[in-house]
Amino acid sequence: MNKLDIYFVSVGGQGALTVCAVIAEAAADFGVPVVHVATKGMAQRGGAVCEQMRIGREDVSPVISPGKADMAVSMEISESFKAIRFLKPGGTFVLLPLIWRPAAVMLGKAAYPALEELREEAEKNRIKLLVLNPSLPLFGAKPVKENIYLLGALSSTELGSIIPAESLRNCIRRKWPKAEDANMFAFNEGAAAL
């Protein structure tokens, strides 16, 4: 069985914990074991969120040591710098480069990191950086849900070789049947984005 260790970061309110819950449920539907844990700030909107997920593994700690993750996923540029150190050389980093400025940046007491800094760090560590377009596609007149869009993009990475995209789609349909059209559009747009 294939194994994949993924380190997720975002800020509260973006839906990263939902992304992880969908992956875990879809994996269970497909018979793939998963252990995962959220380790920070999930209850606070705008606070740092971190989730560690180990797919294809049983009877192991969900905690991923620095330098050991196969993949990192970030939904916010500044949070990406927390995740990159968890990737092993040659790992894959999927970034939805949204910006959520912390109070110190808004007050002019700190600078917001540039995406180019992350690119340099990735190159230095031989990390494959996949950057999604931060301008989310529109469904009707509204931007799609960023977490469903990200799930679609992840289905086009190594994750899709372990958990088929259709298993992820089925889980999304079950969880939000009233939003099926919008969610399938978002998922498919994300899958085509990488």
N, C-alpha and C. Protein backbone atom coordinates (compact mmCIF):
# COMPACT_ATOMS: atom_id res chain seq x y z
N MET A 1 0.84 -1.19 0.00
CA MET A 1 0.00 0.00 0.00
C MET A 1 0.88 1.24 0.00
N ASN A 2 0.50 2.23 -0.79
CA ASN A 2 1.22 3.50 -0.82
C ASN A 2 1.00 4.25 0.48
N LYS A 3 2.01 5.02 0.85
CA LYS A 3 1.94 5.84 2.06
C LYS A 3 2.21 7.28 1.69
N LEU A 4 1.59 8.19 2.43
CA LEU A 4 1.77 9.61 2.17
C LEU A 4 1.59 10.37 3.47
N ASP A 5 2.61 11.12 3.87
CA ASP A 5 2.53 11.97 5.05
C ASP A 5 2.36 13.41 4.60
N ILE A 6 1.28 14.06 5.06
CA ILE A 6 0.96 15.42 4.62
C ILE A 6 0.87 16.35 5.82
N TYR A 7 1.51 17.51 5.71
CA TYR A 7 1.48 18.54 6.74
C TYR A 7 0.68 19.72 6.20
N PHE A 8 -0.45 20.03 6.84
CA PHE A 8 -1.36 21.11 6.40
C PHE A 8 -1.21 22.33 7.30
N VAL A 9 -1.23 23.53 6.69
CA VAL A 9 -1.29 24.77 7.47
C VAL A 9 -2.28 25.72 6.81
N SER A 10 -2.89 26.54 7.64
CA SER A 10 -3.81 27.57 7.16
C SER A 10 -4.11 28.49 8.33
N VAL A 11 -5.09 29.34 8.14
CA VAL A 11 -5.59 30.13 9.26
C VAL A 11 -7.04 29.72 9.51
N GLY A 12 -7.49 29.90 10.74
CA GLY A 12 -8.85 29.51 11.09
C GLY A 12 -9.88 30.19 10.21
N GLY A 13 -10.85 29.42 9.77
CA GLY A 13 -11.90 29.95 8.92
C GLY A 13 -11.73 29.62 7.46
N GLN A 14 -10.55 29.11 7.05
CA GLN A 14 -10.33 28.78 5.64
C GLN A 14 -10.86 27.40 5.27
N GLY A 15 -11.02 26.52 6.23
CA GLY A 15 -11.57 25.21 5.93
C GLY A 15 -10.55 24.09 5.79
N ALA A 16 -9.34 24.29 6.29
CA ALA A 16 -8.32 23.24 6.19
C ALA A 16 -8.71 21.99 6.98
N LEU A 17 -9.34 22.18 8.12
CA LEU A 17 -9.75 21.02 8.91
C LEU A 17 -10.83 20.23 8.17
N THR A 18 -11.66 20.93 7.42
CA THR A 18 -12.66 20.26 6.59
C THR A 18 -11.99 19.48 5.47
N VAL A 19 -10.96 20.05 4.86
CA VAL A 19 -10.19 19.34 3.82
C VAL A 19 -9.68 18.02 4.39
N CYS A 20 -9.09 18.08 5.57
CA CYS A 20 -8.54 16.86 6.19
C CYS A 20 -9.64 15.86 6.53
N ALA A 21 -10.77 16.35 7.02
CA ALA A 21 -11.88 15.45 7.35
C ALA A 21 -12.41 14.74 6.11
N VAL A 22 -12.51 15.46 4.99
CA VAL A 22 -12.97 14.84 3.74
C VAL A 22 -11.97 13.79 3.27
N ILE A 23 -10.68 14.12 3.32
CA ILE A 23 -9.66 13.15 2.90
C ILE A 23 -9.73 11.90 3.77
N ALA A 24 -9.84 12.08 5.08
CA ALA A 24 -9.90 10.93 5.99
C ALA A 24 -11.14 10.08 5.73
N GLU A 25 -12.28 10.71 5.51
CA GLU A 25 -13.51 9.97 5.24
C GLU A 25 -13.45 9.24 3.90
N ALA A 26 -12.92 9.92 2.88
CA ALA A 26 -12.79 9.29 1.56
C ALA A 26 -11.81 8.12 1.62
N ALA A 27 -10.75 8.27 2.40
CA ALA A 27 -9.79 7.18 2.56
C ALA A 27 -10.46 5.98 3.21
N ALA A 28 -11.25 6.23 4.25
CA ALA A 28 -11.96 5.13 4.93
C ALA A 28 -12.91 4.44 3.97
N ASP A 29 -13.62 5.23 3.14
CA ASP A 29 -14.53 4.64 2.15
C ASP A 29 -13.78 3.73 1.19
N PHE A 30 -12.55 4.08 0.89
CA PHE A 30 -11.74 3.34 -0.07
C PHE A 30 -10.89 2.26 0.61
N GLY A 31 -10.98 2.16 1.93
CA GLY A 31 -10.24 1.13 2.66
C GLY A 31 -8.79 1.47 2.94
N VAL A 32 -8.47 2.76 2.93
CA VAL A 32 -7.10 3.20 3.19
C VAL A 32 -7.02 3.74 4.61
N PRO A 33 -6.13 3.19 5.45
CA PRO A 33 -6.03 3.70 6.82
C PRO A 33 -5.41 5.10 6.86
N VAL A 34 -5.88 5.90 7.81
CA VAL A 34 -5.37 7.26 8.00
C VAL A 34 -5.32 7.55 9.49
N VAL A 35 -4.23 8.18 9.92
CA VAL A 35 -4.18 8.76 11.26
C VAL A 35 -3.89 10.25 11.08
N HIS A 36 -4.57 11.09 11.86
CA HIS A 36 -4.33 12.53 11.72
C HIS A 36 -4.67 13.24 13.01
N VAL A 37 -4.10 14.43 13.14
CA VAL A 37 -4.34 15.23 14.33
C VAL A 37 -4.21 16.71 13.97
N ALA A 38 -5.13 17.50 14.52
CA ALA A 38 -5.02 18.96 14.43
C ALA A 38 -4.24 19.40 15.66
N THR A 39 -3.24 20.24 15.47
CA THR A 39 -2.36 20.56 16.58
C THR A 39 -2.40 22.00 17.06
N LYS A 40 -3.06 22.91 16.32
CA LYS A 40 -3.03 24.31 16.77
C LYS A 40 -4.29 25.06 16.38
N GLY A 41 -4.62 26.04 17.13
CA GLY A 41 -5.51 27.13 16.88
C GLY A 41 -6.79 26.96 16.10
N MET A 42 -7.34 25.77 15.98
CA MET A 42 -8.47 25.57 15.09
C MET A 42 -9.74 26.31 15.52
N ALA A 43 -9.85 26.65 16.79
CA ALA A 43 -11.10 27.25 17.26
C ALA A 43 -11.16 28.76 17.03
N GLN A 44 -10.07 29.36 16.63
CA GLN A 44 -10.04 30.81 16.52
C GLN A 44 -9.98 31.25 15.06
N ARG A 45 -10.96 32.00 14.63
CA ARG A 45 -10.96 32.51 13.25
C ARG A 45 -9.75 33.41 13.07
N GLY A 46 -8.93 33.08 12.09
CA GLY A 46 -7.72 33.85 11.84
C GLY A 46 -6.50 33.34 12.57
N GLY A 47 -6.69 32.42 13.51
CA GLY A 47 -5.55 31.83 14.22
C GLY A 47 -4.90 30.73 13.38
N ALA A 48 -3.68 30.41 13.71
CA ALA A 48 -2.94 29.39 12.96
C ALA A 48 -3.58 28.02 13.15
N VAL A 49 -3.70 27.29 12.05
CA VAL A 49 -4.23 25.92 12.06
C VAL A 49 -3.18 25.01 11.45
N CYS A 50 -2.94 23.90 12.10
CA CYS A 50 -1.99 22.91 11.61
C CYS A 50 -2.61 21.54 11.77
N GLU A 51 -2.55 20.75 10.73
CA GLU A 51 -3.03 19.37 10.82
C GLU A 51 -2.00 18.47 10.17
N GLN A 52 -1.74 17.36 10.82
CA GLN A 52 -0.80 16.37 10.30
C GLN A 52 -1.57 15.11 9.97
N MET A 53 -1.32 14.57 8.78
CA MET A 53 -2.09 13.42 8.29
C MET A 53 -1.13 12.39 7.71
N ARG A 54 -1.30 11.15 8.16
CA ARG A 54 -0.46 10.05 7.66
C ARG A 54 -1.39 9.03 7.02
N ILE A 55 -1.31 8.94 5.71
CA ILE A 55 -2.20 8.11 4.91
C ILE A 55 -1.52 6.80 4.55
N GLY A 56 -2.28 5.70 4.65
CA GLY A 56 -1.74 4.39 4.34
C GLY A 56 -0.96 3.80 5.49
N ARG A 57 -1.18 4.32 6.68
CA ARG A 57 -0.45 3.86 7.87
C ARG A 57 -1.44 3.53 8.98
N GLU A 58 -1.08 2.52 9.74
CA GLU A 58 -1.86 2.16 10.93
C GLU A 58 -0.90 2.04 12.10
N ASP A 59 -1.42 2.20 13.29
CA ASP A 59 -0.64 2.00 14.50
C ASP A 59 0.64 2.83 14.53
N VAL A 60 0.54 4.09 14.08
CA VAL A 60 1.66 5.02 14.17
C VAL A 60 1.15 6.32 14.77
N SER A 61 2.06 7.10 15.28
CA SER A 61 1.69 8.42 15.77
C SER A 61 1.29 9.29 14.59
N PRO A 62 0.31 10.17 14.76
CA PRO A 62 -0.04 11.07 13.67
C PRO A 62 0.97 12.21 13.48
N VAL A 63 1.90 12.35 14.42
CA VAL A 63 2.84 13.46 14.38
C VAL A 63 3.95 13.19 13.36
N ILE A 64 4.19 14.18 12.51
CA ILE A 64 5.22 14.10 11.48
C ILE A 64 6.43 14.92 11.95
N SER A 65 7.59 14.30 11.94
CA SER A 65 8.81 15.00 12.34
C SER A 65 9.27 15.96 11.26
N PRO A 66 9.94 17.05 11.64
CA PRO A 66 10.49 17.96 10.63
C PRO A 66 11.38 17.20 9.65
N GLY A 67 11.26 17.55 8.38
CA GLY A 67 12.06 16.91 7.34
C GLY A 67 11.57 15.56 6.88
N LYS A 68 10.36 15.15 7.30
CA LYS A 68 9.87 13.81 6.97
C LYS A 68 8.58 13.79 6.15
N ALA A 69 7.88 14.90 6.00
CA ALA A 69 6.62 14.91 5.26
C ALA A 69 6.87 14.75 3.76
N ASP A 70 6.00 13.98 3.12
CA ASP A 70 6.07 13.83 1.66
C ASP A 70 5.48 15.05 0.97
N MET A 71 4.50 15.66 1.64
CA MET A 71 3.77 16.77 1.04
C MET A 71 3.41 17.78 2.13
N ALA A 72 3.40 19.04 1.74
CA ALA A 72 2.86 20.10 2.61
C ALA A 72 1.80 20.83 1.80
N VAL A 73 0.78 21.28 2.50
CA VAL A 73 -0.32 22.00 1.86
C VAL A 73 -0.58 23.25 2.69
N SER A 74 -0.63 24.40 2.01
CA SER A 74 -0.90 25.65 2.70
C SER A 74 -1.97 26.43 1.96
N MET A 75 -2.82 27.07 2.75
CA MET A 75 -3.88 27.92 2.19
C MET A 75 -3.60 29.39 2.46
N GLU A 76 -2.36 29.71 2.87
CA GLU A 76 -2.04 31.09 3.22
C GLU A 76 -0.52 31.24 3.13
N ILE A 77 -0.05 32.31 2.50
CA ILE A 77 1.38 32.45 2.22
C ILE A 77 2.24 32.46 3.48
N SER A 78 1.94 33.31 4.45
CA SER A 78 2.82 33.41 5.62
C SER A 78 2.86 32.11 6.42
N GLU A 79 1.75 31.38 6.47
CA GLU A 79 1.73 30.10 7.19
C GLU A 79 2.62 29.06 6.50
N SER A 80 2.87 29.24 5.21
CA SER A 80 3.69 28.29 4.45
C SER A 80 5.08 28.12 5.04
N PHE A 81 5.61 29.20 5.61
CA PHE A 81 6.96 29.13 6.15
C PHE A 81 7.03 28.21 7.38
N LYS A 82 5.91 28.00 8.03
CA LYS A 82 5.87 27.05 9.15
C LYS A 82 5.90 25.61 8.64
N ALA A 83 5.35 25.39 7.46
CA ALA A 83 5.22 24.02 6.94
C ALA A 83 6.44 23.54 6.18
N ILE A 84 7.15 24.45 5.53
CA ILE A 84 8.20 24.01 4.61
C ILE A 84 9.29 23.21 5.31
N ARG A 85 9.54 23.51 6.57
CA ARG A 85 10.59 22.76 7.29
C ARG A 85 10.19 21.32 7.58
N PHE A 86 8.91 21.01 7.45
CA PHE A 86 8.46 19.64 7.67
C PHE A 86 8.63 18.75 6.44
N LEU A 87 8.86 19.37 5.28
CA LEU A 87 9.00 18.60 4.05
C LEU A 87 10.37 17.96 3.94
N LYS A 88 10.39 16.75 3.41
CA LYS A 88 11.66 16.12 3.11
C LYS A 88 12.18 16.67 1.78
N PRO A 89 13.49 16.62 1.54
CA PRO A 89 14.00 17.05 0.24
C PRO A 89 13.32 16.25 -0.87
N GLY A 90 12.91 16.95 -1.92
CA GLY A 90 12.20 16.29 -3.01
C GLY A 90 10.71 16.19 -2.79
N GLY A 91 10.22 16.69 -1.65
CA GLY A 91 8.79 16.65 -1.35
C GLY A 91 8.01 17.63 -2.21
N THR A 92 6.70 17.56 -2.10
CA THR A 92 5.80 18.42 -2.87
C THR A 92 5.10 19.40 -1.95
N PHE A 93 5.06 20.67 -2.35
CA PHE A 93 4.37 21.70 -1.59
C PHE A 93 3.26 22.27 -2.47
N VAL A 94 2.01 22.14 -2.02
CA VAL A 94 0.86 22.70 -2.74
C VAL A 94 0.41 23.95 -1.99
N LEU A 95 0.41 25.07 -2.70
CA LEU A 95 0.08 26.35 -2.08
C LEU A 95 -1.08 27.03 -2.79
N LEU A 96 -2.10 27.34 -2.02
CA LEU A 96 -3.16 28.24 -2.47
C LEU A 96 -2.78 29.58 -1.83
N PRO A 97 -2.15 30.50 -2.60
CA PRO A 97 -1.50 31.67 -2.00
C PRO A 97 -2.44 32.81 -1.61
N LEU A 98 -3.33 32.51 -0.69
CA LEU A 98 -4.21 33.55 -0.17
C LEU A 98 -3.47 34.33 0.91
N ILE A 99 -3.89 35.54 1.14
CA ILE A 99 -3.21 36.41 2.11
C ILE A 99 -4.18 36.76 3.23
N TRP A 100 -3.74 36.50 4.45
CA TRP A 100 -4.49 36.85 5.66
C TRP A 100 -3.51 37.62 6.54
N ARG A 101 -3.57 38.92 6.50
CA ARG A 101 -2.58 39.74 7.19
C ARG A 101 -2.83 39.74 8.70
N PRO A 102 -1.81 39.33 9.46
CA PRO A 102 -1.95 39.38 10.92
C PRO A 102 -1.94 40.84 11.41
N ALA A 103 -2.35 41.03 12.64
CA ALA A 103 -2.46 42.38 13.20
C ALA A 103 -1.15 43.14 13.12
N ALA A 104 -0.03 42.50 13.39
CA ALA A 104 1.27 43.18 13.35
C ALA A 104 1.56 43.75 11.96
N VAL A 105 1.17 43.04 10.92
CA VAL A 105 1.37 43.53 9.55
C VAL A 105 0.43 44.70 9.28
N MET A 106 -0.83 44.55 9.68
CA MET A 106 -1.80 45.62 9.44
C MET A 106 -1.43 46.91 10.18
N LEU A 107 -0.76 46.77 11.33
CA LEU A 107 -0.35 47.94 12.11
C LEU A 107 1.01 48.48 11.68
N GLY A 108 1.63 47.84 10.68
CA GLY A 108 2.92 48.30 10.18
C GLY A 108 4.10 47.90 11.05
N LYS A 109 3.91 46.95 11.96
CA LYS A 109 4.98 46.53 12.86
C LYS A 109 5.77 45.34 12.33
N ALA A 110 5.30 44.74 11.25
CA ALA A 110 5.99 43.60 10.64
C ALA A 110 5.70 43.61 9.15
N ALA A 111 6.59 42.99 8.41
CA ALA A 111 6.41 42.89 6.96
C ALA A 111 5.78 41.54 6.63
N TYR A 112 4.94 41.54 5.61
CA TYR A 112 4.35 40.28 5.15
C TYR A 112 5.34 39.61 4.21
N PRO A 113 5.58 38.30 4.36
CA PRO A 113 6.58 37.64 3.52
C PRO A 113 6.13 37.56 2.05
N ALA A 114 7.10 37.65 1.17
CA ALA A 114 6.82 37.58 -0.26
C ALA A 114 6.82 36.13 -0.73
N LEU A 115 5.99 35.84 -1.71
CA LEU A 115 5.93 34.51 -2.30
C LEU A 115 7.30 34.10 -2.83
N GLU A 116 8.06 35.07 -3.33
CA GLU A 116 9.39 34.77 -3.87
C GLU A 116 10.31 34.17 -2.81
N GLU A 117 10.16 34.59 -1.56
CA GLU A 117 10.96 34.02 -0.47
C GLU A 117 10.67 32.53 -0.31
N LEU A 118 9.41 32.16 -0.44
CA LEU A 118 9.03 30.75 -0.35
C LEU A 118 9.59 29.97 -1.54
N ARG A 119 9.53 30.57 -2.73
CA ARG A 119 10.09 29.91 -3.92
C ARG A 119 11.58 29.62 -3.72
N GLU A 120 12.31 30.60 -3.19
CA GLU A 120 13.74 30.43 -2.95
C GLU A 120 14.00 29.31 -1.95
N GLU A 121 13.23 29.30 -0.88
CA GLU A 121 13.38 28.25 0.14
C GLU A 121 13.09 26.87 -0.45
N ALA A 122 12.06 26.79 -1.26
CA ALA A 122 11.71 25.51 -1.90
C ALA A 122 12.82 25.05 -2.83
N GLU A 123 13.33 25.96 -3.63
CA GLU A 123 14.40 25.61 -4.57
C GLU A 123 15.65 25.14 -3.83
N LYS A 124 15.99 25.84 -2.77
CA LYS A 124 17.17 25.49 -1.96
C LYS A 124 17.05 24.07 -1.41
N ASN A 125 15.85 23.65 -1.07
CA ASN A 125 15.63 22.33 -0.47
C ASN A 125 15.10 21.29 -1.46
N ARG A 126 15.18 21.60 -2.76
CA ARG A 126 14.74 20.67 -3.81
C ARG A 126 13.28 20.25 -3.61
N ILE A 127 12.45 21.19 -3.26
CA ILE A 127 11.03 20.94 -3.04
C ILE A 127 10.26 21.39 -4.28
N LYS A 128 9.33 20.54 -4.71
CA LYS A 128 8.48 20.86 -5.86
C LYS A 128 7.34 21.74 -5.36
N LEU A 129 7.36 23.02 -5.74
CA LEU A 129 6.35 23.97 -5.30
C LEU A 129 5.28 24.14 -6.37
N LEU A 130 4.04 23.78 -6.04
CA LEU A 130 2.91 23.91 -6.95
C LEU A 130 2.02 25.03 -6.42
N VAL A 131 1.94 26.13 -7.17
CA VAL A 131 1.20 27.30 -6.71
C VAL A 131 -0.08 27.45 -7.52
N LEU A 132 -1.20 27.41 -6.82
CA LEU A 132 -2.51 27.61 -7.46
C LEU A 132 -2.76 29.10 -7.65
N ASN A 133 -3.63 29.43 -8.58
CA ASN A 133 -4.01 30.81 -8.80
C ASN A 133 -4.89 31.27 -7.63
N PRO A 134 -4.52 32.37 -6.96
CA PRO A 134 -5.33 32.82 -5.82
C PRO A 134 -6.68 33.42 -6.22
N SER A 135 -6.86 33.72 -7.51
CA SER A 135 -8.16 34.20 -7.98
C SER A 135 -9.06 33.00 -8.22
N LEU A 136 -9.90 32.72 -7.25
CA LEU A 136 -10.74 31.53 -7.32
C LEU A 136 -11.76 31.66 -8.44
N PRO A 137 -12.06 30.53 -9.13
CA PRO A 137 -13.07 30.57 -10.18
C PRO A 137 -14.44 30.96 -9.60
N LEU A 138 -15.29 31.48 -10.46
CA LEU A 138 -16.63 31.88 -10.03
C LEU A 138 -17.65 30.82 -10.42
N PHE A 139 -18.55 30.55 -9.49
CA PHE A 139 -19.71 29.71 -9.78
C PHE A 139 -20.91 30.63 -9.63
N GLY A 140 -21.54 30.94 -10.74
CA GLY A 140 -22.52 32.02 -10.72
C GLY A 140 -21.75 33.31 -10.54
N ALA A 141 -22.10 34.07 -9.57
CA ALA A 141 -21.40 35.34 -9.32
C ALA A 141 -20.48 35.27 -8.11
N LYS A 142 -20.36 34.08 -7.50
CA LYS A 142 -19.59 33.96 -6.26
C LYS A 142 -18.34 33.12 -6.47
N PRO A 143 -17.24 33.46 -5.78
CA PRO A 143 -16.05 32.60 -5.83
C PRO A 143 -16.38 31.24 -5.22
N VAL A 144 -15.76 30.21 -5.74
CA VAL A 144 -15.99 28.86 -5.21
C VAL A 144 -15.39 28.75 -3.82
N LYS A 145 -15.80 27.73 -3.08
CA LYS A 145 -15.25 27.48 -1.74
C LYS A 145 -13.79 27.06 -1.90
N GLU A 146 -12.91 27.78 -1.22
CA GLU A 146 -11.48 27.53 -1.39
C GLU A 146 -11.06 26.14 -0.95
N ASN A 147 -11.70 25.59 0.08
CA ASN A 147 -11.28 24.27 0.53
C ASN A 147 -11.69 23.17 -0.46
N ILE A 148 -12.84 23.30 -1.10
CA ILE A 148 -13.27 22.30 -2.09
C ILE A 148 -12.40 22.41 -3.34
N TYR A 149 -12.08 23.64 -3.73
CA TYR A 149 -11.16 23.89 -4.85
C TYR A 149 -9.80 23.23 -4.57
N LEU A 150 -9.31 23.40 -3.34
CA LEU A 150 -8.03 22.80 -2.95
C LEU A 150 -8.10 21.28 -2.97
N LEU A 151 -9.21 20.70 -2.51
CA LEU A 151 -9.37 19.24 -2.57
C LEU A 151 -9.26 18.74 -4.01
N GLY A 152 -9.86 19.46 -4.93
CA GLY A 152 -9.74 19.09 -6.34
C GLY A 152 -8.30 19.12 -6.80
N ALA A 153 -7.58 20.18 -6.44
CA ALA A 153 -6.16 20.28 -6.81
C ALA A 153 -5.36 19.12 -6.21
N LEU A 154 -5.62 18.80 -4.96
CA LEU A 154 -4.89 17.70 -4.31
C LEU A 154 -5.17 16.36 -4.98
N SER A 155 -6.34 16.21 -5.59
CA SER A 155 -6.65 14.96 -6.28
C SER A 155 -5.77 14.76 -7.50
N SER A 156 -5.11 15.83 -7.96
CA SER A 156 -4.20 15.75 -9.11
C SER A 156 -2.75 15.56 -8.69
N THR A 157 -2.51 15.35 -7.40
CA THR A 157 -1.16 15.12 -6.89
C THR A 157 -1.01 13.65 -6.50
N GLU A 158 0.03 13.36 -5.75
CA GLU A 158 0.26 11.99 -5.26
C GLU A 158 -0.94 11.45 -4.49
N LEU A 159 -1.68 12.34 -3.85
CA LEU A 159 -2.86 11.90 -3.10
C LEU A 159 -3.82 11.12 -3.99
N GLY A 160 -3.99 11.57 -5.23
CA GLY A 160 -4.91 10.93 -6.16
C GLY A 160 -4.52 9.52 -6.54
N SER A 161 -3.25 9.16 -6.35
CA SER A 161 -2.84 7.79 -6.64
C SER A 161 -3.16 6.84 -5.49
N ILE A 162 -3.50 7.40 -4.34
CA ILE A 162 -3.85 6.58 -3.17
C ILE A 162 -5.36 6.60 -2.93
N ILE A 163 -5.94 7.79 -3.02
CA ILE A 163 -7.39 7.96 -2.84
C ILE A 163 -7.93 8.53 -4.14
N PRO A 164 -8.68 7.76 -4.90
CA PRO A 164 -9.18 8.25 -6.19
C PRO A 164 -10.04 9.51 -6.04
N ALA A 165 -9.97 10.36 -7.05
CA ALA A 165 -10.75 11.59 -7.06
C ALA A 165 -12.24 11.31 -6.86
N GLU A 166 -12.72 10.21 -7.43
CA GLU A 166 -14.15 9.92 -7.32
C GLU A 166 -14.55 9.63 -5.87
N SER A 167 -13.65 9.04 -5.10
CA SER A 167 -13.92 8.80 -3.68
C SER A 167 -14.04 10.13 -2.94
N LEU A 168 -13.18 11.09 -3.27
CA LEU A 168 -13.27 12.42 -2.67
C LEU A 168 -14.57 13.11 -3.09
N ARG A 169 -14.90 13.02 -4.37
CA ARG A 169 -16.15 13.63 -4.86
C ARG A 169 -17.37 13.05 -4.14
N ASN A 170 -17.40 11.72 -4.00
CA ASN A 170 -18.53 11.07 -3.33
C ASN A 170 -18.69 11.55 -1.90
N CYS A 171 -17.57 11.70 -1.22
CA CYS A 171 -17.61 12.18 0.16
C CYS A 171 -18.17 13.61 0.22
N ILE A 172 -17.73 14.45 -0.70
CA ILE A 172 -18.22 15.84 -0.75
C ILE A 172 -19.72 15.86 -1.03
N ARG A 173 -20.16 15.04 -1.96
CA ARG A 173 -21.61 14.97 -2.28
C ARG A 173 -22.43 14.58 -1.05
N ARG A 174 -21.93 13.59 -0.31
CA ARG A 174 -22.64 13.12 0.89
C ARG A 174 -22.72 14.21 1.96
N LYS A 175 -21.61 14.91 2.16
CA LYS A 175 -21.54 15.91 3.23
C LYS A 175 -22.41 17.14 2.93
N TRP A 176 -22.44 17.57 1.67
CA TRP A 176 -23.14 18.80 1.31
C TRP A 176 -24.01 18.57 0.08
N PRO A 177 -25.07 17.77 0.20
CA PRO A 177 -25.89 17.45 -0.98
C PRO A 177 -26.55 18.68 -1.61
N LYS A 178 -26.90 19.67 -0.82
CA LYS A 178 -27.57 20.86 -1.38
C LYS A 178 -26.62 21.74 -2.19
N ALA A 179 -25.32 21.58 -1.98
CA ALA A 179 -24.34 22.40 -2.70
C ALA A 179 -23.57 21.57 -3.73
N GLU A 180 -24.16 20.45 -4.16
CA GLU A 180 -23.43 19.54 -5.05
C GLU A 180 -22.94 20.22 -6.33
N ASP A 181 -23.78 20.97 -7.00
CA ASP A 181 -23.37 21.59 -8.27
C ASP A 181 -22.18 22.54 -8.06
N ALA A 182 -22.29 23.41 -7.08
CA ALA A 182 -21.20 24.37 -6.80
C ALA A 182 -19.94 23.64 -6.37
N ASN A 183 -20.08 22.63 -5.51
CA ASN A 183 -18.91 21.92 -5.02
C ASN A 183 -18.23 21.08 -6.10
N MET A 184 -19.01 20.44 -6.96
CA MET A 184 -18.39 19.66 -8.04
C MET A 184 -17.69 20.57 -9.04
N PHE A 185 -18.27 21.75 -9.27
CA PHE A 185 -17.61 22.73 -10.13
C PHE A 185 -16.28 23.15 -9.51
N ALA A 186 -16.29 23.49 -8.21
CA ALA A 186 -15.07 23.90 -7.51
C ALA A 186 -14.03 22.80 -7.54
N PHE A 187 -14.44 21.56 -7.25
CA PHE A 187 -13.52 20.43 -7.23
C PHE A 187 -12.89 20.24 -8.61
N ASN A 188 -13.71 20.23 -9.64
CA ASN A 188 -13.20 19.99 -11.00
C ASN A 188 -12.29 21.12 -11.47
N GLU A 189 -12.61 22.35 -11.10
CA GLU A 189 -11.73 23.48 -11.44
C GLU A 189 -10.38 23.33 -10.73
N GLY A 190 -10.41 22.91 -9.47
CA GLY A 190 -9.17 22.68 -8.73
C GLY A 190 -8.34 21.56 -9.34
N ALA A 191 -9.02 20.47 -9.73
CA ALA A 191 -8.31 19.33 -10.33
C ALA A 191 -7.63 19.74 -11.62
N ALA A 192 -8.24 20.64 -12.37
CA ALA A 192 -7.66 21.09 -13.64
C ALA A 192 -6.58 22.16 -13.45
N ALA A 193 -6.47 22.70 -12.24
CA ALA A 193 -5.56 23.83 -12.00
C ALA A 193 -4.10 23.43 -11.88
N LEU A 194 -3.82 22.17 -11.57
CA LEU A 194 -2.41 21.76 -11.43
C LEU A 194 -1.93 21.01 -12.65
